[in-house]
Amino acid sequence: MSPRSARLARLSRSVTFSASHCLHSKSLSDEENLKLFGKCNNPNGHGHNYKGRELVSILALRIDPVSGMVMNLTDLKEYMQEAIMEPLDHKNLDKDVPYFSEVVSTTENIAVFIWDSLQKLLPQGILYKVEVHETEQNVVVYKGEETIVK
């Protein structure tokens, strides 16, 4: 393949943010919340150092033959600052982030929040997946999929 042929690449960038929350569903009683979420239902909350990695990719992301890049990393850093760090870092998710006033602040829902926030900033159709590492052992991967609940 010649150097001018279209080559595809995936670009990934990681950020780490610290946030606190209390897992609590308004749809459940206090007893049910405690049973479901255990110590994570502590009314005083608890915190995590989340590691968020978003991966930008689809067929549209060809390596530009002039710049040699799929996207300028400086731009990606700015998008992630606006979509992830500004709204989430050193925040109480349940009290400081309006999205979580009605949505339980699970890692799954944090991944959805990050996906939706990045989708508003990135060029159309290039976000491939969002990974949120709550701990070394617990990771959520979200690719924008939706299902119809019956």
C-alpha atoms as a PDB file:
ATOM      1  CA  MET A   1       0.000   0.000   0.000  1.00  0.00           C
ATOM      2  CA  SER A   2       1.450   3.384  -0.921  1.00  0.00           C
ATOM      3  CA  PRO A   3       1.910   6.119   1.710  1.00  0.00           C
ATOM      4  CA  ARG A   4      -0.940   8.055   0.017  1.00  0.00           C
ATOM      5  CA  SER A   5      -3.462   5.231   0.512  1.00  0.00           C
ATOM      6  CA  ALA A   6      -6.127   5.815   3.144  1.00  0.00           C
ATOM      7  CA  ARG A   7      -5.159   4.385   6.515  1.00  0.00           C
ATOM      8  CA  LEU A   8      -7.475   4.279   9.497  1.00  0.00           C
ATOM      9  CA  ALA A   9      -6.484   4.747  13.114  1.00  0.00           C
ATOM     10  CA  ARG A  10      -8.128   4.999  16.519  1.00  0.00           C
ATOM     11  CA  LEU A  11      -7.108   7.772  18.837  1.00  0.00           C
ATOM     12  CA  SER A  12      -7.424   7.458  22.593  1.00  0.00           C
ATOM     13  CA  ARG A  13      -6.870   9.908  25.430  1.00  0.00           C
ATOM     14  CA  SER A  14      -7.247   9.371  29.178  1.00  0.00           C
ATOM     15  CA  VAL A  15      -8.136  11.763  31.967  1.00  0.00           C
ATOM     16  CA  THR A  16      -8.547  11.166  35.690  1.00  0.00           C
ATOM     17  CA  PHE A  17     -11.144  12.981  37.751  1.00  0.00           C
ATOM     18  CA  SER A  18     -12.181  12.798  41.389  1.00  0.00           C
ATOM     19  CA  ALA A  19     -15.834  12.957  42.369  1.00  0.00           C
ATOM     20  CA  SER A  20     -18.151  11.932  45.167  1.00  0.00           C
ATOM     21  CA  HIS A  21     -21.681  10.579  45.061  1.00  0.00           C
ATOM     22  CA  CYS A  22     -24.307   8.530  46.884  1.00  0.00           C
ATOM     23  CA  LEU A  23     -26.034   5.753  44.982  1.00  0.00           C
ATOM     24  CA  HIS A  24     -29.718   6.309  45.666  1.00  0.00           C
ATOM     25  CA  SER A  25     -32.763   5.836  43.445  1.00  0.00           C
ATOM     26  CA  LYS A  26     -35.790   8.035  44.079  1.00  0.00           C
ATOM     27  CA  SER A  27     -37.893   5.124  42.774  1.00  0.00           C
ATOM     28  CA  LEU A  28     -36.913   2.926  45.734  1.00  0.00           C
ATOM     29  CA  SER A  29     -37.488   3.132  49.473  1.00  0.00           C
ATOM     30  CA  ASP A  30     -34.573   3.833  51.808  1.00  0.00           C
ATOM     31  CA  GLU A  31     -34.545   0.130  52.753  1.00  0.00           C
ATOM     32  CA  GLU A  32     -34.521  -0.973  49.101  1.00  0.00           C
ATOM     33  CA  ASN A  33     -31.721   1.482  48.286  1.00  0.00           C
ATOM     34  CA  LEU A  34     -29.620   0.202  51.178  1.00  0.00           C
ATOM     35  CA  LYS A  35     -30.211  -3.403  50.115  1.00  0.00           C
ATOM     36  CA  LEU A  36     -29.378  -2.677  46.456  1.00  0.00           C
ATOM     37  CA  PHE A  37     -26.425  -0.297  46.838  1.00  0.00           C
ATOM     38  CA  GLY A  38     -25.035  -1.302  50.260  1.00  0.00           C
ATOM     39  CA  LYS A  39     -22.275   0.952  51.577  1.00  0.00           C
ATOM     40  CA  CYS A  40     -22.458   3.018  48.373  1.00  0.00           C
ATOM     41  CA  ASN A  41     -25.845   4.271  49.633  1.00  0.00           C
ATOM     42  CA  ASN A  42     -24.200   6.136  52.534  1.00  0.00           C
ATOM     43  CA  PRO A  43     -26.141   9.448  52.772  1.00  0.00           C
ATOM     44  CA  ASN A  44     -22.838  11.281  53.307  1.00  0.00           C
ATOM     45  CA  GLY A  45     -21.567   9.882  50.020  1.00  0.00           C
ATOM     46  CA  HIS A  46     -18.251   8.353  49.055  1.00  0.00           C
ATOM     47  CA  GLY A  47     -15.634   9.182  46.447  1.00  0.00           C
ATOM     48  CA  HIS A  48     -13.684   7.724  43.572  1.00  0.00           C
ATOM     49  CA  ASN A  49     -10.735   8.671  41.433  1.00  0.00           C
ATOM     50  CA  TYR A  50     -12.305   7.840  38.092  1.00  0.00           C
ATOM     51  CA  LYS A  51     -10.173   7.240  35.053  1.00  0.00           C
ATOM     52  CA  GLY A  52     -12.002   8.143  31.898  1.00  0.00           C
ATOM     53  CA  ARG A  53     -10.811   7.140  28.494  1.00  0.00           C
ATOM     54  CA  GLU A  54     -12.628   7.970  25.367  1.00  0.00           C
ATOM     55  CA  LEU A  55     -11.735   6.460  22.091  1.00  0.00           C
ATOM     56  CA  VAL A  56     -12.401   8.316  18.895  1.00  0.00           C
ATOM     57  CA  SER A  57     -12.865   6.137  15.846  1.00  0.00           C
ATOM     58  CA  ILE A  58     -14.902   5.073  12.869  1.00  0.00           C
ATOM     59  CA  LEU A  59     -14.212   4.718   9.176  1.00  0.00           C
ATOM     60  CA  ALA A  60     -14.288   8.489   8.764  1.00  0.00           C
ATOM     61  CA  LEU A  61     -11.127   8.782  10.820  1.00  0.00           C
ATOM     62  CA  ARG A  62      -8.500   8.439   8.186  1.00  0.00           C
ATOM     63  CA  ILE A  63      -4.966   9.470   8.858  1.00  0.00           C
ATOM     64  CA  ASP A  64      -4.649  12.802   7.121  1.00  0.00           C
ATOM     65  CA  PRO A  65      -1.855  12.500   4.543  1.00  0.00           C
ATOM     66  CA  VAL A  66      -0.777  16.109   5.119  1.00  0.00           C
ATOM     67  CA  SER A  67      -0.794  16.343   8.937  1.00  0.00           C
ATOM     68  CA  GLY A  68      -0.280  12.637   9.639  1.00  0.00           C
ATOM     69  CA  MET A  69      -2.993  12.829  12.317  1.00  0.00           C
ATOM     70  CA  VAL A  70      -6.579  11.647  12.670  1.00  0.00           C
ATOM     71  CA  MET A  71      -7.300  14.563  15.003  1.00  0.00           C
ATOM     72  CA  ASN A  72      -5.213  17.204  16.695  1.00  0.00           C
ATOM     73  CA  LEU A  73      -4.592  15.997  20.266  1.00  0.00           C
ATOM     74  CA  THR A  74      -4.756  19.587  21.504  1.00  0.00           C
ATOM     75  CA  ASP A  75      -8.345  19.790  20.245  1.00  0.00           C
ATOM     76  CA  LEU A  76      -9.233  16.454  21.836  1.00  0.00           C
ATOM     77  CA  LYS A  77      -7.708  17.588  25.141  1.00  0.00           C
ATOM     78  CA  GLU A  78      -9.865  20.747  25.059  1.00  0.00           C
ATOM     79  CA  TYR A  79     -13.031  18.757  24.260  1.00  0.00           C
ATOM     80  CA  MET A  80     -12.355  16.390  27.158  1.00  0.00           C
ATOM     81  CA  GLN A  81     -11.659  19.306  29.494  1.00  0.00           C
ATOM     82  CA  GLU A  82     -15.039  20.832  28.637  1.00  0.00           C
ATOM     83  CA  ALA A  83     -17.052  17.583  28.556  1.00  0.00           C
ATOM     84  CA  ILE A  84     -15.475  15.713  31.482  1.00  0.00           C
ATOM     85  CA  MET A  85     -13.178  17.709  33.718  1.00  0.00           C
ATOM     86  CA  GLU A  86     -15.144  20.948  34.087  1.00  0.00           C
ATOM     87  CA  PRO A  87     -18.494  19.368  34.962  1.00  0.00           C
ATOM     88  CA  LEU A  88     -17.246  16.339  36.960  1.00  0.00           C
ATOM     89  CA  ASP A  89     -13.829  16.878  38.566  1.00  0.00           C
ATOM     90  CA  HIS A  90     -13.935  17.518  42.335  1.00  0.00           C
ATOM     91  CA  LYS A  91     -17.722  17.623  42.298  1.00  0.00           C
ATOM     92  CA  ASN A  92     -20.470  15.944  44.251  1.00  0.00           C
ATOM     93  CA  LEU A  93     -22.180  14.399  41.246  1.00  0.00           C
ATOM     94  CA  ASP A  94     -25.615  14.289  42.871  1.00  0.00           C
ATOM     95  CA  LYS A  95     -25.557  17.916  44.012  1.00  0.00           C
ATOM     96  CA  ASP A  96     -23.317  19.729  41.524  1.00  0.00           C
ATOM     97  CA  VAL A  97     -24.216  18.112  38.184  1.00  0.00           C
ATOM     98  CA  PRO A  98     -27.843  18.768  37.141  1.00  0.00           C
ATOM     99  CA  TYR A  99     -27.942  15.589  35.004  1.00  0.00           C
ATOM    100  CA  PHE A 100     -27.648  13.459  38.146  1.00  0.00           C
ATOM    101  CA  SER A 101     -30.490  15.144  40.020  1.00  0.00           C
ATOM    102  CA  GLU A 102     -32.852  12.681  38.305  1.00  0.00           C
ATOM    103  CA  VAL A 103     -30.423   9.925  37.244  1.00  0.00           C
ATOM    104  CA  VAL A 104     -28.627   7.576  39.670  1.00  0.00           C
ATOM    105  CA  SER A 105     -24.917   8.430  39.534  1.00  0.00           C
ATOM    106  CA  THR A 106     -23.689   4.917  38.732  1.00  0.00           C
ATOM    107  CA  THR A 107     -20.575   4.445  36.650  1.00  0.00           C
ATOM    108  CA  GLU A 108     -22.836   3.320  33.797  1.00  0.00           C
ATOM    109  CA  ASN A 109     -24.705   6.624  33.889  1.00  0.00           C
ATOM    110  CA  ILE A 110     -21.455   8.580  34.220  1.00  0.00           C
ATOM    111  CA  ALA A 111     -20.308   6.910  30.986  1.00  0.00           C
ATOM    112  CA  VAL A 112     -23.576   7.919  29.280  1.00  0.00           C
ATOM    113  CA  PHE A 113     -23.172  11.499  30.558  1.00  0.00           C
ATOM    114  CA  ILE A 114     -19.623  11.670  29.179  1.00  0.00           C
ATOM    115  CA  TRP A 115     -20.738  10.179  25.844  1.00  0.00           C
ATOM    116  CA  ASP A 116     -23.561  12.696  25.476  1.00  0.00           C
ATOM    117  CA  SER A 117     -21.296  15.592  26.476  1.00  0.00           C
ATOM    118  CA  LEU A 118     -18.543  14.615  24.033  1.00  0.00           C
ATOM    119  CA  GLN A 119     -21.023  14.010  21.202  1.00  0.00           C
ATOM    120  CA  LYS A 120     -21.992  17.696  21.427  1.00  0.00           C
ATOM    121  CA  LEU A 121     -18.370  18.806  20.942  1.00  0.00           C
ATOM    122  CA  LEU A 122     -16.706  16.297  18.621  1.00  0.00           C
ATOM    123  CA  PRO A 123     -17.204  16.220  14.870  1.00  0.00           C
ATOM    124  CA  GLN A 124     -20.290  14.186  13.976  1.00  0.00           C
ATOM    125  CA  GLY A 125     -19.924  10.402  14.035  1.00  0.00           C
ATOM    126  CA  ILE A 126     -16.346   9.962  15.241  1.00  0.00           C
ATOM    127  CA  LEU A 127     -16.852   8.988  18.883  1.00  0.00           C
ATOM    128  CA  TYR A 128     -16.417   5.214  19.095  1.00  0.00           C
ATOM    129  CA  LYS A 129     -16.622   4.449  22.803  1.00  0.00           C
ATOM    130  CA  VAL A 130     -16.235   5.825  26.293  1.00  0.00           C
ATOM    131  CA  GLU A 131     -14.556   3.842  29.071  1.00  0.00           C
ATOM    132  CA  VAL A 132     -14.930   4.816  32.703  1.00  0.00           C
ATOM    133  CA  HIS A 133     -12.736   3.039  35.244  1.00  0.00           C
ATOM    134  CA  GLU A 134     -14.318   3.366  38.682  1.00  0.00           C
ATOM    135  CA  THR A 135     -11.577   1.166  40.158  1.00  0.00           C
ATOM    136  CA  GLU A 136      -8.865  -1.064  38.733  1.00  0.00           C
ATOM    137  CA  GLN A 137     -11.405  -3.903  38.683  1.00  0.00           C
ATOM    138  CA  ASN A 138     -14.625  -2.093  37.675  1.00  0.00           C
ATOM    139  CA  VAL A 139     -14.857  -0.658  34.170  1.00  0.00           C
ATOM    140  CA  VAL A 140     -17.872   0.457  32.141  1.00  0.00           C
ATOM    141  CA  VAL A 141     -17.677   0.651  28.347  1.00  0.00           C
ATOM    142  CA  TYR A 142     -20.397   2.591  26.530  1.00  0.00           C
ATOM    143  CA  LYS A 143     -20.688   2.855  22.754  1.00  0.00           C
ATOM    144  CA  GLY A 144     -23.829   4.949  22.488  1.00  0.00           C
ATOM    145  CA  GLU A 145     -26.151   1.985  22.146  1.00  0.00           C
ATOM    146  CA  GLU A 146     -29.761   2.319  23.117  1.00  0.00           C
ATOM    147  CA  THR A 147     -32.356  -0.391  23.606  1.00  0.00           C
ATOM    148  CA  ILE A 148     -36.106  -0.272  23.633  1.00  0.00           C
ATOM    149  CA  VAL A 149     -37.475  -1.306  27.005  1.00  0.00           C
ATOM    150  CA  LYS A 150     -40.727  -3.253  26.766  1.00  0.00           C
END
